[in-house]
């Protein structure tokens, strides 16, 4: 009985460690034919569930259907454009302070970009 409890506790601790890999603020640019588009994410993982916000040209929107499992992140962003809901699908693979991302929308070709983890601003205590 104690053996199984130890395995469950170890699995839960490992899941928490992996989830922490996506926590934080990430920023980068998506290259388009019209120029670079800045994009940032503020993500928080609780187990496999990921929540947060994204900021891009359309403003700030909440992350939906976020999941982080087996080292891979996936989430959606929903934008209202001209009375229509547009859903953008994002996938990412974090590696230290860099995350390779893929953006898919409708039947368009996927867009590949990367974001970097933003370090908290240094504080000066006097």
Protein backbone atom coordinates (compact mmCIF):
# COMPACT_ATOMS: atom_id res chain seq x y z
CA UNK A 1 0.00 0.00 0.00
CA UNK A 2 2.80 2.42 0.92
CA UNK A 3 4.61 1.55 -2.30
CA UNK A 4 1.64 2.59 -4.47
CA UNK A 5 1.17 5.78 -2.46
CA UNK A 6 4.86 6.64 -3.03
CA UNK A 7 4.47 6.09 -6.78
CA UNK A 8 1.40 8.34 -6.93
CA UNK A 9 3.16 11.09 -4.96
CA UNK A 10 6.23 10.86 -7.21
CA UNK A 11 4.07 11.04 -10.36
CA UNK A 12 2.24 14.10 -9.04
CA UNK A 13 5.53 15.82 -8.16
CA UNK A 14 6.93 15.07 -11.63
CA UNK A 15 3.81 16.50 -13.29
CA UNK A 16 4.16 19.69 -11.25
CA UNK A 17 7.81 20.05 -12.28
CA UNK A 18 6.99 19.65 -15.97
CA UNK A 19 4.07 22.08 -15.74
CA UNK A 20 6.36 24.73 -14.27
CA UNK A 21 8.36 24.69 -17.52
CA UNK A 22 5.64 26.73 -19.26
CA UNK A 23 4.84 29.10 -16.37
CA UNK A 24 5.73 32.71 -16.92
CA UNK A 25 5.80 35.44 -19.51
CA UNK A 26 6.96 34.65 -23.04
CA UNK A 27 7.46 37.07 -25.93
CA UNK A 28 8.48 36.95 -29.57
CA UNK A 29 7.53 37.96 -33.09
CA UNK A 30 5.61 36.22 -35.84
CA UNK A 31 7.03 37.00 -39.29
CA UNK A 32 4.35 37.76 -41.89
CA UNK A 33 4.46 39.14 -45.45
CA UNK A 34 3.37 42.47 -43.94
CA UNK A 35 6.15 42.52 -41.35
CA UNK A 36 6.83 41.18 -37.89
CA UNK A 37 3.92 40.94 -35.47
CA UNK A 38 4.77 41.03 -31.74
CA UNK A 39 3.13 38.32 -29.64
CA UNK A 40 3.36 37.60 -25.93
CA UNK A 41 1.92 35.00 -23.60
CA UNK A 42 1.50 34.92 -19.82
CA UNK A 43 0.99 31.25 -18.93
CA UNK A 44 0.27 29.31 -15.76
CA UNK A 45 0.08 25.53 -15.53
CA UNK A 46 -1.76 23.60 -12.84
CA UNK A 47 -1.04 19.96 -13.48
CA UNK A 48 -1.75 19.45 -17.18
CA UNK A 49 -4.17 22.39 -17.45
CA UNK A 50 -2.77 25.68 -18.80
CA UNK A 51 -4.43 29.07 -18.39
CA UNK A 52 -3.31 32.59 -19.10
CA UNK A 53 -3.51 35.40 -21.60
CA UNK A 54 -2.00 36.36 -24.93
CA UNK A 55 -1.33 39.85 -26.22
CA UNK A 56 -1.09 40.55 -29.93
CA UNK A 57 -2.38 43.02 -32.51
CA UNK A 58 -6.01 42.35 -31.49
CA UNK A 59 -5.28 43.08 -27.83
CA UNK A 60 -5.36 40.76 -24.84
CA UNK A 61 -7.31 37.49 -25.06
CA UNK A 62 -7.59 34.53 -22.67
CA UNK A 63 -5.96 31.20 -23.44
CA UNK A 64 -8.54 28.44 -23.87
CA UNK A 65 -8.28 24.64 -24.00
CA UNK A 66 -4.71 24.87 -22.69
CA UNK A 67 -2.88 21.65 -21.96
CA UNK A 68 0.75 20.77 -21.23
CA UNK A 69 1.56 17.09 -21.44
CA UNK A 70 4.69 15.09 -22.20
CA UNK A 71 6.72 18.25 -22.84
CA UNK A 72 4.25 19.70 -25.35
CA UNK A 73 2.00 22.72 -24.97
CA UNK A 74 -1.25 23.27 -26.89
CA UNK A 75 -3.88 26.00 -26.55
CA UNK A 76 -6.33 28.11 -28.51
CA UNK A 77 -6.98 31.82 -28.82
CA UNK A 78 -10.42 33.07 -29.88
CA UNK A 79 -10.74 36.46 -31.55
CA UNK A 80 -13.89 38.32 -32.57
CA UNK A 81 -13.34 39.86 -36.02
CA UNK A 82 -16.19 41.56 -37.89
CA UNK A 83 -18.77 39.65 -35.84
CA UNK A 84 -17.10 36.28 -36.49
CA UNK A 85 -15.22 34.11 -34.02
CA UNK A 86 -11.81 33.11 -35.31
CA UNK A 87 -9.92 30.34 -33.53
CA UNK A 88 -6.13 30.17 -33.68
CA UNK A 89 -4.43 26.93 -32.60
CA UNK A 90 -1.01 27.17 -30.97
CA UNK A 91 1.45 24.41 -30.12
CA UNK A 92 4.80 24.76 -28.41
CA UNK A 93 7.75 22.83 -27.08
CA UNK A 94 9.62 24.63 -24.31
CA UNK A 95 13.36 24.15 -23.87
CA UNK A 96 14.75 26.17 -20.96
CA UNK A 97 14.00 29.82 -21.81
CA UNK A 98 13.05 29.30 -25.47
CA UNK A 99 9.88 27.79 -26.90
CA UNK A 100 9.39 26.75 -30.52
CA UNK A 101 5.79 27.52 -31.51
CA UNK A 102 3.43 26.60 -34.34
CA UNK A 103 0.34 28.65 -35.19
CA UNK A 104 -2.44 27.08 -37.27
CA UNK A 105 -5.51 28.88 -38.53
CA UNK A 106 -8.14 27.43 -40.86
CA UNK A 107 -6.73 25.93 -44.04
CA UNK A 108 -3.68 28.21 -44.10
CA UNK A 109 -0.17 26.82 -43.89
CA UNK A 110 1.14 26.66 -40.31
CA UNK A 111 3.34 29.51 -39.12
CA UNK A 112 6.48 28.71 -37.16
CA UNK A 113 8.02 31.10 -34.65
CA UNK A 114 9.70 31.11 -31.28
CA UNK A 115 9.21 33.00 -28.05
CA UNK A 116 11.62 33.61 -25.22
CA UNK A 117 10.88 33.55 -21.51
CA UNK A 118 10.88 37.08 -20.13
CA UNK A 119 12.95 37.56 -17.01
CA UNK A 120 11.32 39.49 -14.17
CA UNK A 121 12.52 43.06 -13.93
CA UNK A 122 15.37 43.47 -11.49
CA UNK A 123 14.43 45.37 -8.37
CA UNK A 124 16.78 47.60 -6.51
CA UNK A 125 16.18 47.57 -2.79
CA UNK A 126 18.00 50.31 -0.92
